[in-house]
């Protein structure tokens, strides 16, 4: 359940960061009581939207069964992997200016005396993080059925508790824990998790006869690290490790990391180009 704890922890910290920035900024305004009421209304609205998405997805999963259910699972796992990549790219591109952008947008809404605007700003941020969490968790939920569902829920709650503790530590300005180190470490773990989801989706497409195996297995390392064991299972869940992978899976895994390298390069903030001034 390590991936469940990590997903809930990472997404919750990011949501708390957005709310914390808006709350700190609004607390310094003369009309802070009015603004904070709308902020918390937006947080509640965003959480409700994420909960609605979760119920919708659970309803769809209960209706679909057999091959259609397998297709739905494959699509959701692929969507989770794609969302992780999009999130990493977005944070690389816009993370440094996140506080400034949020404060500017909030200032614009206050200037128009738009309480709904502040609520919508918070709601969109929370709904985005919450929806990503729902999709990510659904992407890994297929591995945990029956008795494992209780542990799944407990892991999600533990992740939320760790997020609250982490946010407090990050805000307290500890030298050994900064926002920069948090994003760097969690970015690497997110990419490993996306690779795991990608491999899981490829496995599902192979089982649906959409993709050929080419060579199956390409190798067998189960003798020294079985992906169904304690250590190998954790490695499989967090990185996509397979003890007996098909050639198609290996090629897809390599292609994933090549794509990540290109995406990270494209996600670097654009540097200002000096413009020569004519005489």
Protein backbone atom coordinates (compact mmCIF):
# COMPACT_ATOMS: atom_id res chain seq x y z
CA UNK A 1 0.00 0.00 0.00
CA UNK A 2 3.03 2.27 -0.15
CA UNK A 3 1.89 3.85 -3.41
CA UNK A 4 -1.50 4.73 -1.87
CA UNK A 5 0.18 6.46 1.08
CA UNK A 6 2.53 8.34 -1.23
CA UNK A 7 -0.18 9.51 -3.65
CA UNK A 8 -2.45 10.77 -0.87
CA UNK A 9 0.49 12.41 0.92
CA UNK A 10 1.86 14.19 -2.16
CA UNK A 11 -1.46 15.46 -3.52
CA UNK A 12 -2.70 16.54 -0.08
CA UNK A 13 0.48 18.54 0.59
CA UNK A 14 0.08 20.33 -2.74
CA UNK A 15 -3.57 21.12 -1.98
CA UNK A 16 -2.59 22.40 1.48
CA UNK A 17 0.09 24.56 -0.14
CA UNK A 18 -2.47 26.29 -2.38
CA UNK A 19 -4.90 26.83 0.49
CA UNK A 20 -2.07 27.99 2.75
CA UNK A 21 -0.88 30.58 0.24
CA UNK A 22 -4.38 31.99 -0.23
CA UNK A 23 -5.13 31.95 3.51
CA UNK A 24 -1.87 33.71 4.43
CA UNK A 25 -2.46 36.39 1.79
CA UNK A 26 -6.11 36.94 2.72
CA UNK A 27 -5.23 37.12 6.43
CA UNK A 28 -3.23 40.29 5.75
CA UNK A 29 -6.16 42.06 4.05
CA UNK A 30 -8.45 44.48 5.94
CA UNK A 31 -11.49 42.44 4.85
CA UNK A 32 -9.87 39.13 5.77
CA UNK A 33 -12.93 37.70 7.57
CA UNK A 34 -15.04 38.13 4.44
CA UNK A 35 -12.35 36.71 2.17
CA UNK A 36 -11.61 33.72 4.40
CA UNK A 37 -15.29 32.75 4.50
CA UNK A 38 -15.32 32.54 0.71
CA UNK A 39 -11.99 30.69 0.72
CA UNK A 40 -13.33 27.91 2.97
CA UNK A 41 -16.52 27.77 0.91
CA UNK A 42 -14.36 27.18 -2.16
CA UNK A 43 -12.40 24.44 -0.38
CA UNK A 44 -15.66 22.68 0.51
CA UNK A 45 -16.89 23.03 -3.07
CA UNK A 46 -13.66 21.57 -4.45
CA UNK A 47 -13.81 18.60 -2.06
CA UNK A 48 -17.43 17.99 -3.07
CA UNK A 49 -16.43 17.97 -6.75
CA UNK A 50 -13.66 15.43 -6.10
CA UNK A 51 -16.06 13.25 -4.08
CA UNK A 52 -18.58 13.44 -6.92
CA UNK A 53 -15.95 12.23 -9.38
CA UNK A 54 -15.06 9.34 -7.05
CA UNK A 55 -18.71 8.26 -6.79
CA UNK A 56 -19.12 8.55 -10.57
CA UNK A 57 -16.09 6.35 -11.21
CA UNK A 58 -17.19 3.76 -8.65
CA UNK A 59 -20.64 3.71 -10.24
CA UNK A 60 -19.17 3.19 -13.69
CA UNK A 61 -16.94 0.38 -12.41
CA UNK A 62 -19.91 -1.39 -10.80
CA UNK A 63 -21.87 -1.31 -14.07
CA UNK A 64 -19.02 -2.48 -16.29
CA UNK A 65 -17.90 -6.08 -16.00
CA UNK A 66 -15.96 -8.64 -17.98
CA UNK A 67 -13.99 -7.29 -20.92
CA UNK A 68 -15.63 -3.86 -20.75
CA UNK A 69 -14.50 -3.61 -17.13
CA UNK A 70 -10.96 -4.53 -18.13
CA UNK A 71 -11.01 -1.82 -20.79
CA UNK A 72 -12.25 0.72 -18.25
CA UNK A 73 -9.48 -0.24 -15.84
CA UNK A 74 -6.84 0.01 -18.58
CA UNK A 75 -8.07 3.46 -19.62
CA UNK A 76 -8.09 4.73 -16.03
CA UNK A 77 -4.58 3.40 -15.35
CA UNK A 78 -3.31 5.10 -18.52
CA UNK A 79 -5.10 8.31 -17.51
CA UNK A 80 -3.46 8.21 -14.08
CA UNK A 81 0.01 7.81 -15.61
CA UNK A 82 -0.66 10.64 -18.08
CA UNK A 83 -1.93 12.93 -15.31
CA UNK A 84 1.20 12.35 -13.26
CA UNK A 85 3.37 13.32 -16.22
CA UNK A 86 1.24 16.40 -16.87
CA UNK A 87 1.48 17.41 -13.20
CA UNK A 88 5.26 17.02 -13.11
CA UNK A 89 5.57 19.06 -16.30
CA UNK A 90 3.24 21.78 -14.98
CA UNK A 91 5.08 22.10 -11.67
CA UNK A 92 8.42 22.33 -13.49
CA UNK A 93 7.00 25.04 -15.72
CA UNK A 94 4.98 27.09 -13.24
CA UNK A 95 5.99 26.00 -9.71
CA UNK A 96 8.34 28.92 -9.04
CA UNK A 97 5.64 31.48 -9.78
CA UNK A 98 2.80 29.61 -8.03
CA UNK A 99 2.58 31.94 -5.03
CA UNK A 100 2.76 35.09 -7.16
CA UNK A 101 0.13 33.83 -9.60
CA UNK A 102 -2.30 32.85 -6.85
CA UNK A 103 -1.90 36.16 -5.02
CA UNK A 104 -2.40 38.14 -8.23
CA UNK A 105 -5.57 36.22 -9.05
CA UNK A 106 -6.89 36.67 -5.51
CA UNK A 107 -6.09 40.40 -5.64
CA UNK A 108 -8.07 40.70 -8.87
CA UNK A 109 -11.09 39.04 -7.28
CA UNK A 110 -10.88 41.25 -4.18
CA UNK A 111 -10.63 44.36 -6.34
CA UNK A 112 -13.93 43.35 -7.95
CA UNK A 113 -15.38 42.46 -4.52
CA UNK A 114 -16.05 39.01 -5.96
CA UNK A 115 -16.43 36.50 -3.16
CA UNK A 116 -17.49 33.89 -5.68
CA UNK A 117 -14.27 34.53 -7.57
CA UNK A 118 -12.16 33.71 -4.50
CA UNK A 119 -14.29 30.63 -3.82
CA UNK A 120 -13.93 29.50 -7.42
CA UNK A 121 -10.15 30.01 -7.30
CA UNK A 122 -9.90 27.76 -4.23
CA UNK A 123 -12.48 25.29 -5.56
CA UNK A 124 -10.66 24.79 -8.85
CA UNK A 125 -7.34 24.19 -7.09
CA UNK A 126 -8.82 21.71 -4.59
CA UNK A 127 -10.95 20.00 -7.23
CA UNK A 128 -7.90 19.56 -9.46
CA UNK A 129 -5.78 18.04 -6.71
CA UNK A 130 -8.69 15.97 -5.42
CA UNK A 131 -9.62 14.70 -8.87
CA UNK A 132 -6.01 13.76 -9.58
CA UNK A 133 -5.91 11.87 -6.28
CA UNK A 134 -9.12 10.01 -7.11
CA UNK A 135 -7.85 8.98 -10.54
CA UNK A 136 -4.41 8.01 -9.21
CA UNK A 137 -5.91 5.91 -6.43
CA UNK A 138 -8.35 4.26 -8.81
CA UNK A 139 -5.43 3.46 -11.08
CA UNK A 140 -3.79 1.37 -8.34
CA UNK A 141 -7.00 0.14 -6.69
CA UNK A 142 -7.34 -2.75 -9.14
CA UNK A 143 -4.50 -4.51 -7.32
CA UNK A 144 -6.27 -4.30 -3.94
CA UNK A 145 -9.66 -6.01 -3.81
CA UNK A 146 -11.68 -7.79 -1.15
CA UNK A 147 -9.94 -7.77 2.22
CA UNK A 148 -7.35 -5.35 0.90
CA UNK A 149 -9.88 -2.52 0.59
CA UNK A 150 -9.77 -1.82 4.34
CA UNK A 151 -5.99 -1.51 4.19
CA UNK A 152 -6.39 0.68 1.09
CA UNK A 153 -8.63 3.12 3.00
CA UNK A 154 -6.33 3.06 6.03
CA UNK A 155 -3.33 3.82 3.82
CA UNK A 156 -5.15 6.80 2.29
CA UNK A 157 -5.96 8.17 5.76
CA UNK A 158 -2.34 7.65 6.84
CA UNK A 159 -1.19 9.56 3.77
CA UNK A 160 -3.50 12.44 4.68
CA UNK A 161 -2.16 12.51 8.24
CA UNK A 162 1.42 12.52 6.98
CA UNK A 163 0.52 15.37 4.61
CA UNK A 164 -0.72 17.51 7.50
CA UNK A 165 2.46 16.81 9.47
CA UNK A 166 4.67 17.46 6.42
CA UNK A 167 2.92 20.75 5.66
CA UNK A 168 3.48 21.93 9.23
CA UNK A 169 7.18 21.02 9.03
CA UNK A 170 7.58 22.70 5.64
CA UNK A 171 5.86 25.87 6.82
CA UNK A 172 7.94 25.97 10.01
CA UNK A 173 11.05 26.57 7.89
CA UNK A 174 13.19 23.62 8.96
CA UNK A 175 16.64 23.77 7.39
CA UNK A 176 16.64 20.07 6.56
CA UNK A 177 13.20 20.18 4.90
CA UNK A 178 12.37 22.82 2.31
CA UNK A 179 9.70 23.12 -0.36
CA UNK A 180 12.39 22.76 -3.03
CA UNK A 181 13.63 19.44 -1.64
CA UNK A 182 10.03 18.27 -1.18
CA UNK A 183 9.17 18.87 -4.83
CA UNK A 184 12.42 17.36 -6.10
CA UNK A 185 12.08 14.14 -4.11
CA UNK A 186 8.36 13.74 -4.71
CA UNK A 187 8.84 14.43 -8.44
CA UNK A 188 11.24 11.50 -8.72
CA UNK A 189 8.87 9.22 -6.79
CA UNK A 190 5.92 10.36 -8.90
CA UNK A 191 7.75 9.50 -12.11
CA UNK A 192 8.57 6.03 -10.77
CA UNK A 193 4.92 5.56 -9.86
CA UNK A 194 3.84 6.72 -13.32
CA UNK A 195 6.19 4.13 -14.81
CA UNK A 196 4.54 1.47 -12.64
CA UNK A 197 1.07 2.52 -13.82
CA UNK A 198 2.28 2.56 -17.43
CA UNK A 199 3.60 -1.00 -17.15
CA UNK A 200 0.36 -2.09 -15.50
CA UNK A 201 -1.62 -0.61 -18.39
CA UNK A 202 0.61 -2.36 -20.93
CA UNK A 203 0.07 -5.66 -19.09
CA UNK A 204 -3.69 -5.12 -19.27
CA UNK A 205 -3.56 -4.35 -22.99
CA UNK A 206 -1.51 -7.51 -23.55
CA UNK A 207 -4.11 -9.54 -21.64
CA UNK A 208 -6.82 -8.01 -23.86
CA UNK A 209 -4.84 -9.12 -26.95
CA UNK A 210 -4.42 -5.50 -28.04
CA UNK A 211 -0.62 -5.72 -27.88
CA UNK A 212 1.56 -8.73 -28.75
CA UNK A 213 4.08 -10.04 -26.23
CA UNK A 214 6.79 -10.51 -28.93
CA UNK A 215 8.99 -12.56 -26.55
CA UNK A 216 7.49 -13.80 -23.29
CA UNK A 217 9.31 -13.86 -20.96
CA UNK A 218 12.35 -11.95 -22.11
CA UNK A 219 14.15 -13.00 -18.90
CA UNK A 220 13.34 -14.58 -15.54
CA UNK A 221 14.74 -12.94 -12.41
CA UNK A 222 12.17 -14.47 -10.04
CA UNK A 223 14.87 -16.64 -8.52
CA UNK A 224 16.57 -13.71 -6.82
CA UNK A 225 13.78 -11.07 -6.75
CA UNK A 226 10.22 -12.31 -7.27
CA UNK A 227 7.71 -9.54 -8.02
CA UNK A 228 5.10 -11.39 -5.94
CA UNK A 229 7.27 -11.32 -2.80
CA UNK A 230 7.42 -8.63 -0.14
CA UNK A 231 10.39 -6.65 -1.49
CA UNK A 232 9.79 -7.45 -5.15
CA UNK A 233 6.09 -6.65 -4.81
CA UNK A 234 6.84 -3.24 -3.33
CA UNK A 235 9.36 -2.59 -6.09
CA UNK A 236 6.79 -3.67 -8.69
CA UNK A 237 4.13 -1.37 -7.22
CA UNK A 238 6.41 1.66 -6.99
CA UNK A 239 8.60 1.29 -10.10
CA UNK A 240 6.95 -1.20 -12.48
CA UNK A 241 9.49 -3.98 -11.90
CA UNK A 242 8.64 -7.32 -13.50
CA UNK A 243 10.51 -10.55 -12.76
CA UNK A 244 9.36 -12.15 -16.04
CA UNK A 245 8.60 -9.30 -18.44
CA UNK A 246 7.52 -9.63 -22.04
CA UNK A 247 9.63 -7.87 -24.66
CA UNK A 248 6.71 -5.53 -25.32
CA UNK A 249 6.69 -4.50 -21.66
CA UNK A 250 10.44 -3.81 -21.67
CA UNK A 251 10.17 -1.73 -24.86
CA UNK A 252 7.22 0.20 -23.41
CA UNK A 253 9.16 0.85 -20.19
CA UNK A 254 12.18 2.14 -22.10
CA UNK A 255 9.94 4.29 -24.29
CA UNK A 256 8.29 5.74 -21.21
CA UNK A 257 11.58 7.00 -19.78
CA UNK A 258 12.68 8.38 -23.13
CA UNK A 259 9.42 10.30 -23.25
CA UNK A 260 9.94 11.53 -19.68
CA UNK A 261 13.39 12.85 -20.57
CA UNK A 262 11.93 14.86 -23.44
CA UNK A 263 9.03 16.07 -21.30
CA UNK A 264 11.28 17.29 -18.51
CA UNK A 265 13.45 19.13 -20.98
CA UNK A 266 10.37 20.80 -22.47
CA UNK A 267 9.11 21.62 -18.98
CA UNK A 268 12.08 23.79 -18.06
CA UNK A 269 11.03 27.41 -17.52
CA UNK A 270 11.74 29.50 -20.57
CA UNK A 271 14.70 31.80 -20.17
CA UNK A 272 14.38 35.41 -21.06
CA UNK A 273 16.16 36.23 -24.31
CA UNK A 274 17.97 39.57 -24.20
CA UNK A 275 16.71 41.94 -26.87
CA UNK A 276 19.35 44.23 -28.38
CA UNK A 277 18.51 47.89 -28.07
CA UNK A 278 19.17 49.96 -31.15
CA UNK A 279 20.96 53.23 -30.93
